[in-house]
Amino acid sequence: LAISLPSGNAMFGNDGVEIRGCTVL
């Protein structure tokens, strides 16, 4: 579960997670 989280340096280019408070920024 820990290695499947969005770490940003995934093998196929992870775009991260969209959370409302962050997308406002």
mmCIF file of all heavy atoms, coordinates in Angstrom:
data_MODEL
# 
_entry.id   MODEL 
# 
loop_
_atom_site.group_PDB 
_atom_site.id 
_atom_site.type_symbol 
_atom_site.label_atom_id 
_atom_site.label_alt_id 
_atom_site.label_comp_id 
_atom_site.label_asym_id 
_atom_site.label_entity_id 
_atom_site.label_seq_id 
_atom_site.pdbx_PDB_ins_code 
_atom_site.Cartn_x 
_atom_site.Cartn_y 
_atom_site.Cartn_z 
_atom_site.occupancy 
_atom_site.B_iso_or_equiv 
_atom_site.pdbx_formal_charge 
_atom_site.auth_seq_id 
_atom_site.auth_comp_id 
_atom_site.auth_asym_id 
_atom_site.auth_atom_id 
_atom_site.pdbx_PDB_model_num 
ATOM 1   N N   . LEU A 1 1  ? 0.824   -1.209 0.000   1.00 0.00 ? 1  LEU A N   1 
ATOM 2   C CA  . LEU A 1 1  ? 0.000   0.000  0.000   1.00 0.00 ? 1  LEU A CA  1 
ATOM 3   C C   . LEU A 1 1  ? 0.855   1.255  0.000   1.00 0.00 ? 1  LEU A C   1 
ATOM 4   O O   . LEU A 1 1  ? 0.512   2.252  -0.645  1.00 0.00 ? 1  LEU A O   1 
ATOM 5   C CB  . LEU A 1 1  ? -0.939  -0.007 1.204   1.00 0.00 ? 1  LEU A CB  1 
ATOM 6   C CG  . LEU A 1 1  ? -2.049  -1.050 1.175   1.00 0.00 ? 1  LEU A CG  1 
ATOM 7   C CD1 . LEU A 1 1  ? -2.817  -1.038 2.485   1.00 0.00 ? 1  LEU A CD1 1 
ATOM 8   C CD2 . LEU A 1 1  ? -2.973  -0.827 -0.003  1.00 0.00 ? 1  LEU A CD2 1 
ATOM 9   N N   . ALA A 1 2  ? 1.976   1.222  0.704   1.00 0.00 ? 2  ALA A N   1 
ATOM 10  C CA  . ALA A 1 2  ? 2.846   2.403  0.769   1.00 0.00 ? 2  ALA A CA  1 
ATOM 11  C C   . ALA A 1 2  ? 3.504   2.688  -0.580  1.00 0.00 ? 2  ALA A C   1 
ATOM 12  O O   . ALA A 1 2  ? 3.633   3.850  -0.974  1.00 0.00 ? 2  ALA A O   1 
ATOM 13  C CB  . ALA A 1 2  ? 3.904   2.214  1.840   1.00 0.00 ? 2  ALA A CB  1 
ATOM 14  N N   . ILE A 1 3  ? 3.912   1.649  -1.305  1.00 0.00 ? 3  ILE A N   1 
ATOM 15  C CA  . ILE A 1 3  ? 4.570   1.903  -2.586  1.00 0.00 ? 3  ILE A CA  1 
ATOM 16  C C   . ILE A 1 3  ? 3.570   2.249  -3.680  1.00 0.00 ? 3  ILE A C   1 
ATOM 17  O O   . ILE A 1 3  ? 3.961   2.752  -4.730  1.00 0.00 ? 3  ILE A O   1 
ATOM 18  C CB  . ILE A 1 3  ? 5.444   0.703  -3.027  1.00 0.00 ? 3  ILE A CB  1 
ATOM 19  C CG1 . ILE A 1 3  ? 4.599   -0.531 -3.275  1.00 0.00 ? 3  ILE A CG1 1 
ATOM 20  C CG2 . ILE A 1 3  ? 6.542   0.449  -2.036  1.00 0.00 ? 3  ILE A CG2 1 
ATOM 21  C CD1 . ILE A 1 3  ? 5.352   -1.672 -3.909  1.00 0.00 ? 3  ILE A CD1 1 
ATOM 22  N N   . SER A 1 4  ? 2.292   2.011  -3.457  1.00 0.00 ? 4  SER A N   1 
ATOM 23  C CA  . SER A 1 4  ? 1.297   2.339  -4.474  1.00 0.00 ? 4  SER A CA  1 
ATOM 24  C C   . SER A 1 4  ? 0.724   3.742  -4.280  1.00 0.00 ? 4  SER A C   1 
ATOM 25  O O   . SER A 1 4  ? -0.077  4.187  -5.094  1.00 0.00 ? 4  SER A O   1 
ATOM 26  C CB  . SER A 1 4  ? 0.171   1.314  -4.479  1.00 0.00 ? 4  SER A CB  1 
ATOM 27  O OG  . SER A 1 4  ? -0.520  1.346  -3.248  1.00 0.00 ? 4  SER A OG  1 
ATOM 28  N N   . LEU A 1 5  ? 1.118   4.444  -3.221  1.00 0.00 ? 5  LEU A N   1 
ATOM 29  C CA  . LEU A 1 5  ? 0.648   5.816  -3.009  1.00 0.00 ? 5  LEU A CA  1 
ATOM 30  C C   . LEU A 1 5  ? 1.295   6.765  -4.014  1.00 0.00 ? 5  LEU A C   1 
ATOM 31  O O   . LEU A 1 5  ? 2.358   6.473  -4.553  1.00 0.00 ? 5  LEU A O   1 
ATOM 32  C CB  . LEU A 1 5  ? 0.966   6.263  -1.581  1.00 0.00 ? 5  LEU A CB  1 
ATOM 33  C CG  . LEU A 1 5  ? 0.118   5.618  -0.495  1.00 0.00 ? 5  LEU A CG  1 
ATOM 34  C CD1 . LEU A 1 5  ? 0.655   6.024  0.875   1.00 0.00 ? 5  LEU A CD1 1 
ATOM 35  C CD2 . LEU A 1 5  ? -1.331  6.022  -0.618  1.00 0.00 ? 5  LEU A CD2 1 
ATOM 36  N N   . PRO A 1 6  ? 0.673   7.920  -4.255  1.00 0.00 ? 6  PRO A N   1 
ATOM 37  C CA  . PRO A 1 6  ? 1.203   8.862  -5.247  1.00 0.00 ? 6  PRO A CA  1 
ATOM 38  C C   . PRO A 1 6  ? 2.457   9.568  -4.758  1.00 0.00 ? 6  PRO A C   1 
ATOM 39  O O   . PRO A 1 6  ? 2.411   10.615 -4.154  1.00 0.00 ? 6  PRO A O   1 
ATOM 40  C CB  . PRO A 1 6  ? 0.055   9.842  -5.446  1.00 0.00 ? 6  PRO A CB  1 
ATOM 41  C CG  . PRO A 1 6  ? -0.715  9.776  -4.184  1.00 0.00 ? 6  PRO A CG  1 
ATOM 42  C CD  . PRO A 1 6  ? -0.583  8.375  -3.678  1.00 0.00 ? 6  PRO A CD  1 
ATOM 43  N N   . SER A 1 7  ? 3.608   9.005  -5.005  1.00 0.00 ? 7  SER A N   1 
ATOM 44  C CA  . SER A 1 7  ? 4.847   9.567  -4.498  1.00 0.00 ? 7  SER A CA  1 
ATOM 45  C C   . SER A 1 7  ? 5.444   10.603 -5.427  1.00 0.00 ? 7  SER A C   1 
ATOM 46  O O   . SER A 1 7  ? 6.374   11.302 -5.059  1.00 0.00 ? 7  SER A O   1 
ATOM 47  C CB  . SER A 1 7  ? 5.865   8.462  -4.260  1.00 0.00 ? 7  SER A CB  1 
ATOM 48  O OG  . SER A 1 7  ? 6.155   7.818  -5.469  1.00 0.00 ? 7  SER A OG  1 
ATOM 49  N N   . GLY A 1 8  ? 4.983   10.699 -6.652  1.00 0.00 ? 8  GLY A N   1 
ATOM 50  C CA  . GLY A 1 8  ? 5.490   11.704 -7.568  1.00 0.00 ? 8  GLY A CA  1 
ATOM 51  C C   . GLY A 1 8  ? 6.582   11.208 -8.479  1.00 0.00 ? 8  GLY A C   1 
ATOM 52  O O   . GLY A 1 8  ? 6.856   11.813 -9.493  1.00 0.00 ? 8  GLY A O   1 
ATOM 53  N N   . ASN A 1 9  ? 7.229   10.132 -8.161  1.00 0.00 ? 9  ASN A N   1 
ATOM 54  C CA  . ASN A 1 9  ? 8.274   9.606  -9.021  1.00 0.00 ? 9  ASN A CA  1 
ATOM 55  C C   . ASN A 1 9  ? 7.929   8.183  -9.430  1.00 0.00 ? 9  ASN A C   1 
ATOM 56  O O   . ASN A 1 9  ? 8.735   7.292  -9.351  1.00 0.00 ? 9  ASN A O   1 
ATOM 57  C CB  . ASN A 1 9  ? 9.635   9.670  -8.341  1.00 0.00 ? 9  ASN A CB  1 
ATOM 58  C CG  . ASN A 1 9  ? 9.616   9.053  -6.969  1.00 0.00 ? 9  ASN A CG  1 
ATOM 59  O OD1 . ASN A 1 9  ? 8.607   8.504  -6.551  1.00 0.00 ? 9  ASN A OD1 1 
ATOM 60  N ND2 . ASN A 1 9  ? 10.713  9.143  -6.263  1.00 0.00 ? 9  ASN A ND2 1 
ATOM 61  N N   . ALA A 1 10 ? 6.725   7.983  -9.838  1.00 0.00 ? 10 ALA A N   1 
ATOM 62  C CA  . ALA A 1 10 ? 6.258   6.667  -10.235 1.00 0.00 ? 10 ALA A CA  1 
ATOM 63  C C   . ALA A 1 10 ? 6.864   6.278  -11.590 1.00 0.00 ? 10 ALA A C   1 
ATOM 64  O O   . ALA A 1 10 ? 7.407   7.111  -12.312 1.00 0.00 ? 10 ALA A O   1 
ATOM 65  C CB  . ALA A 1 10 ? 4.735   6.639  -10.325 1.00 0.00 ? 10 ALA A CB  1 
ATOM 66  N N   . MET A 1 11 ? 6.739   5.032  -11.929 1.00 0.00 ? 11 MET A N   1 
ATOM 67  C CA  . MET A 1 11 ? 7.378   4.511  -13.129 1.00 0.00 ? 11 MET A CA  1 
ATOM 68  C C   . MET A 1 11 ? 6.778   5.079  -14.409 1.00 0.00 ? 11 MET A C   1 
ATOM 69  O O   . MET A 1 11 ? 7.483   5.317  -15.372 1.00 0.00 ? 11 MET A O   1 
ATOM 70  C CB  . MET A 1 11 ? 7.249   2.997  -13.118 1.00 0.00 ? 11 MET A CB  1 
ATOM 71  C CG  . MET A 1 11 ? 7.980   2.299  -14.195 1.00 0.00 ? 11 MET A CG  1 
ATOM 72  S SD  . MET A 1 11 ? 7.806   0.549  -13.917 1.00 0.00 ? 11 MET A SD  1 
ATOM 73  C CE  . MET A 1 11 ? 8.793   -0.097 -15.176 1.00 0.00 ? 11 MET A CE  1 
ATOM 74  N N   . PHE A 1 12 ? 5.490   5.321  -14.439 1.00 0.00 ? 12 PHE A N   1 
ATOM 75  C CA  . PHE A 1 12 ? 4.832   5.769  -15.655 1.00 0.00 ? 12 PHE A CA  1 
ATOM 76  C C   . PHE A 1 12 ? 4.364   7.207  -15.573 1.00 0.00 ? 12 PHE A C   1 
ATOM 77  O O   . PHE A 1 12 ? 3.414   7.592  -16.231 1.00 0.00 ? 12 PHE A O   1 
ATOM 78  C CB  . PHE A 1 12 ? 3.645   4.856  -15.977 1.00 0.00 ? 12 PHE A CB  1 
ATOM 79  C CG  . PHE A 1 12 ? 4.074   3.449  -16.229 1.00 0.00 ? 12 PHE A CG  1 
ATOM 80  C CD1 . PHE A 1 12 ? 3.789   2.455  -15.328 1.00 0.00 ? 12 PHE A CD1 1 
ATOM 81  C CD2 . PHE A 1 12 ? 4.797   3.125  -17.358 1.00 0.00 ? 12 PHE A CD2 1 
ATOM 82  C CE1 . PHE A 1 12 ? 4.193   1.156  -15.549 1.00 0.00 ? 12 PHE A CE1 1 
ATOM 83  C CE2 . PHE A 1 12 ? 5.208   1.835  -17.593 1.00 0.00 ? 12 PHE A CE2 1 
ATOM 84  C CZ  . PHE A 1 12 ? 4.900   0.849  -16.688 1.00 0.00 ? 12 PHE A CZ  1 
ATOM 85  N N   . GLY A 1 13 ? 4.997   8.035  -14.754 1.00 0.00 ? 13 GLY A N   1 
ATOM 86  C CA  . GLY A 1 13 ? 4.657   9.448  -14.691 1.00 0.00 ? 13 GLY A CA  1 
ATOM 87  C C   . GLY A 1 13 ? 3.382   9.721  -13.924 1.00 0.00 ? 13 GLY A C   1 
ATOM 88  O O   . GLY A 1 13 ? 2.320   9.861  -14.507 1.00 0.00 ? 13 GLY A O   1 
ATOM 89  N N   . ASN A 1 14 ? 3.471   9.802  -12.633 1.00 0.00 ? 14 ASN A N   1 
ATOM 90  C CA  . ASN A 1 14 ? 2.324   10.062 -11.779 1.00 0.00 ? 14 ASN A CA  1 
ATOM 91  C C   . ASN A 1 14 ? 2.012   11.550 -11.784 1.00 0.00 ? 14 ASN A C   1 
ATOM 92  O O   . ASN A 1 14 ? 2.895   12.374 -11.635 1.00 0.00 ? 14 ASN A O   1 
ATOM 93  C CB  . ASN A 1 14 ? 2.637   9.589  -10.360 1.00 0.00 ? 14 ASN A CB  1 
ATOM 94  C CG  . ASN A 1 14 ? 1.431   9.585  -9.469  1.00 0.00 ? 14 ASN A CG  1 
ATOM 95  O OD1 . ASN A 1 14 ? 0.379   10.071 -9.842  1.00 0.00 ? 14 ASN A OD1 1 
ATOM 96  N ND2 . ASN A 1 14 ? 1.583   9.035  -8.294  1.00 0.00 ? 14 ASN A ND2 1 
ATOM 97  N N   . ASP A 1 15 ? 0.742   11.902 -11.946 1.00 0.00 ? 15 ASP A N   1 
ATOM 98  C CA  . ASP A 1 15 ? 0.336   13.303 -11.964 1.00 0.00 ? 15 ASP A CA  1 
ATOM 99  C C   . ASP A 1 15 ? -0.131  13.798 -10.607 1.00 0.00 ? 15 ASP A C   1 
ATOM 100 O O   . ASP A 1 15 ? -0.597  14.922 -10.493 1.00 0.00 ? 15 ASP A O   1 
ATOM 101 C CB  . ASP A 1 15 ? -0.797  13.516 -12.982 1.00 0.00 ? 15 ASP A CB  1 
ATOM 102 C CG  . ASP A 1 15 ? -0.300  13.377 -14.402 1.00 0.00 ? 15 ASP A CG  1 
ATOM 103 O OD1 . ASP A 1 15 ? 0.899   13.596 -14.638 1.00 0.00 ? 15 ASP A OD1 1 
ATOM 104 O OD2 . ASP A 1 15 ? -1.110  13.052 -15.266 1.00 0.00 ? 15 ASP A OD2 1 
ATOM 105 N N   . GLY A 1 16 ? -0.044  12.994 -9.587  1.00 0.00 ? 16 GLY A N   1 
ATOM 106 C CA  . GLY A 1 16 ? -0.466  13.410 -8.256  1.00 0.00 ? 16 GLY A CA  1 
ATOM 107 C C   . GLY A 1 16 ? -1.955  13.244 -8.054  1.00 0.00 ? 16 GLY A C   1 
ATOM 108 O O   . GLY A 1 16 ? -2.682  12.732 -8.889  1.00 0.00 ? 16 GLY A O   1 
ATOM 109 N N   . VAL A 1 17 ? -2.411  13.695 -6.905  1.00 0.00 ? 17 VAL A N   1 
ATOM 110 C CA  . VAL A 1 17 ? -3.799  13.559 -6.508  1.00 0.00 ? 17 VAL A CA  1 
ATOM 111 C C   . VAL A 1 17 ? -4.441  14.932 -6.491  1.00 0.00 ? 17 VAL A C   1 
ATOM 112 O O   . VAL A 1 17 ? -3.838  15.894 -6.033  1.00 0.00 ? 17 VAL A O   1 
ATOM 113 C CB  . VAL A 1 17 ? -3.886  12.913 -5.100  1.00 0.00 ? 17 VAL A CB  1 
ATOM 114 C CG1 . VAL A 1 17 ? -5.316  12.795 -4.660  1.00 0.00 ? 17 VAL A CG1 1 
ATOM 115 C CG2 . VAL A 1 17 ? -3.213  11.569 -5.092  1.00 0.00 ? 17 VAL A CG2 1 
ATOM 116 N N   . GLU A 1 18 ? -5.654  15.021 -6.999  1.00 0.00 ? 18 GLU A N   1 
ATOM 117 C CA  . GLU A 1 18 ? -6.376  16.291 -6.980  1.00 0.00 ? 18 GLU A CA  1 
ATOM 118 C C   . GLU A 1 18 ? -7.191  16.388 -5.700  1.00 0.00 ? 18 GLU A C   1 
ATOM 119 O O   . GLU A 1 18 ? -8.119  15.624 -5.495  1.00 0.00 ? 18 GLU A O   1 
ATOM 120 C CB  . GLU A 1 18 ? -7.301  16.397 -8.186  1.00 0.00 ? 18 GLU A CB  1 
ATOM 121 C CG  . GLU A 1 18 ? -6.582  16.509 -9.499  1.00 0.00 ? 18 GLU A CG  1 
ATOM 122 C CD  . GLU A 1 18 ? -7.545  16.669 -10.668 1.00 0.00 ? 18 GLU A CD  1 
ATOM 123 O OE1 . GLU A 1 18 ? -8.731  16.937 -10.423 1.00 0.00 ? 18 GLU A OE1 1 
ATOM 124 O OE2 . GLU A 1 18 ? -7.097  16.508 -11.793 1.00 0.00 ? 18 GLU A OE2 1 
ATOM 125 N N   . ILE A 1 19 ? -6.816  17.322 -4.836  1.00 0.00 ? 19 ILE A N   1 
ATOM 126 C CA  . ILE A 1 19 ? -7.570  17.626 -3.618  1.00 0.00 ? 19 ILE A CA  1 
ATOM 127 C C   . ILE A 1 19 ? -7.968  19.091 -3.721  1.00 0.00 ? 19 ILE A C   1 
ATOM 128 O O   . ILE A 1 19 ? -7.157  19.938 -4.095  1.00 0.00 ? 19 ILE A O   1 
ATOM 129 C CB  . ILE A 1 19 ? -6.735  17.337 -2.365  1.00 0.00 ? 19 ILE A CB  1 
ATOM 130 C CG1 . ILE A 1 19 ? -6.473  15.831 -2.272  1.00 0.00 ? 19 ILE A CG1 1 
ATOM 131 C CG2 . ILE A 1 19 ? -7.432  17.832 -1.115  1.00 0.00 ? 19 ILE A CG2 1 
ATOM 132 C CD1 . ILE A 1 19 ? -5.652  15.401 -1.090  1.00 0.00 ? 19 ILE A CD1 1 
ATOM 133 N N   . ARG A 1 20 ? -9.186  19.383 -3.375  1.00 0.00 ? 20 ARG A N   1 
ATOM 134 C CA  . ARG A 1 20 ? -9.766  20.697 -3.635  1.00 0.00 ? 20 ARG A CA  1 
ATOM 135 C C   . ARG A 1 20 ? -8.913  21.844 -3.094  1.00 0.00 ? 20 ARG A C   1 
ATOM 136 O O   . ARG A 1 20 ? -8.700  22.837 -3.767  1.00 0.00 ? 20 ARG A O   1 
ATOM 137 C CB  . ARG A 1 20 ? -11.169 20.753 -3.042  1.00 0.00 ? 20 ARG A CB  1 
ATOM 138 C CG  . ARG A 1 20 ? -11.877 22.037 -3.358  1.00 0.00 ? 20 ARG A CG  1 
ATOM 139 C CD  . ARG A 1 20 ? -13.296 22.027 -2.846  1.00 0.00 ? 20 ARG A CD  1 
ATOM 140 N NE  . ARG A 1 20 ? -13.951 23.273 -3.179  1.00 0.00 ? 20 ARG A NE  1 
ATOM 141 C CZ  . ARG A 1 20 ? -15.071 23.663 -2.663  1.00 0.00 ? 20 ARG A CZ  1 
ATOM 142 N NH1 . ARG A 1 20 ? -15.694 22.892 -1.805  1.00 0.00 ? 20 ARG A NH1 1 
ATOM 143 N NH2 . ARG A 1 20 ? -15.605 24.796 -3.021  1.00 0.00 ? 20 ARG A NH2 1 
ATOM 144 N N   . GLY A 1 21 ? -8.412  21.720 -1.878  1.00 0.00 ? 21 GLY A N   1 
ATOM 145 C CA  . GLY A 1 21 ? -7.603  22.788 -1.303  1.00 0.00 ? 21 GLY A CA  1 
ATOM 146 C C   . GLY A 1 21 ? -6.327  23.046 -2.070  1.00 0.00 ? 21 GLY A C   1 
ATOM 147 O O   . GLY A 1 21 ? -5.814  24.166 -2.108  1.00 0.00 ? 21 GLY A O   1 
ATOM 148 N N   . CYS A 1 22 ? -5.808  22.024 -2.686  1.00 0.00 ? 22 CYS A N   1 
ATOM 149 C CA  . CYS A 1 22 ? -4.574  22.166 -3.459  1.00 0.00 ? 22 CYS A CA  1 
ATOM 150 C C   . CYS A 1 22 ? -4.851  22.649 -4.877  1.00 0.00 ? 22 CYS A C   1 
ATOM 151 O O   . CYS A 1 22 ? -4.062  23.408 -5.435  1.00 0.00 ? 22 CYS A O   1 
ATOM 152 C CB  . CYS A 1 22 ? -3.834  20.840 -3.482  1.00 0.00 ? 22 CYS A CB  1 
ATOM 153 S SG  . CYS A 1 22 ? -2.191  20.941 -4.186  1.00 0.00 ? 22 CYS A SG  1 
ATOM 154 N N   . THR A 1 23 ? -5.948  22.227 -5.473  1.00 0.00 ? 23 THR A N   1 
ATOM 155 C CA  . THR A 1 23 ? -6.250  22.673 -6.831  1.00 0.00 ? 23 THR A CA  1 
ATOM 156 C C   . THR A 1 23 ? -6.608  24.155 -6.862  1.00 0.00 ? 23 THR A C   1 
ATOM 157 O O   . THR A 1 23 ? -6.446  24.798 -7.890  1.00 0.00 ? 23 THR A O   1 
ATOM 158 C CB  . THR A 1 23 ? -7.388  21.848 -7.446  1.00 0.00 ? 23 THR A CB  1 
ATOM 159 O OG1 . THR A 1 23 ? -8.520  21.881 -6.589  1.00 0.00 ? 23 THR A OG1 1 
ATOM 160 C CG2 . THR A 1 23 ? -6.964  20.417 -7.668  1.00 0.00 ? 23 THR A CG2 1 
ATOM 161 N N   . VAL A 1 24 ? -7.075  24.702 -5.736  1.00 0.00 ? 24 VAL A N   1 
ATOM 162 C CA  . VAL A 1 24 ? -7.308  26.141 -5.662  1.00 0.00 ? 24 VAL A CA  1 
ATOM 163 C C   . VAL A 1 24 ? -5.982  26.882 -5.801  1.00 0.00 ? 24 VAL A C   1 
ATOM 164 O O   . VAL A 1 24 ? -5.917  27.959 -6.398  1.00 0.00 ? 24 VAL A O   1 
ATOM 165 C CB  . VAL A 1 24 ? -8.010  26.505 -4.327  1.00 0.00 ? 24 VAL A CB  1 
ATOM 166 C CG1 . VAL A 1 24 ? -8.035  27.993 -4.096  1.00 0.00 ? 24 VAL A CG1 1 
ATOM 167 C CG2 . VAL A 1 24 ? -9.418  25.947 -4.313  1.00 0.00 ? 24 VAL A CG2 1 
ATOM 168 N N   . LEU A 1 25 ? -4.900  26.279 -5.301  1.00 0.00 ? 25 LEU A N   1 
ATOM 169 C CA  . LEU A 1 25 ? -3.562  26.861 -5.413  1.00 0.00 ? 25 LEU A CA  1 
ATOM 170 C C   . LEU A 1 25 ? -2.875  26.459 -6.714  1.00 0.00 ? 25 LEU A C   1 
ATOM 171 O O   . LEU A 1 25 ? -1.681  26.695 -6.871  1.00 0.00 ? 25 LEU A O   1 
ATOM 172 C CB  . LEU A 1 25 ? -2.701  26.402 -4.236  1.00 0.00 ? 25 LEU A CB  1 
ATOM 173 C CG  . LEU A 1 25 ? -3.157  26.820 -2.844  1.00 0.00 ? 25 LEU A CG  1 
ATOM 174 C CD1 . LEU A 1 25 ? -2.317  26.129 -1.787  1.00 0.00 ? 25 LEU A CD1 1 
ATOM 175 C CD2 . LEU A 1 25 ? -3.075  28.321 -2.692  1.00 0.00 ? 25 LEU A CD2 1 
# 
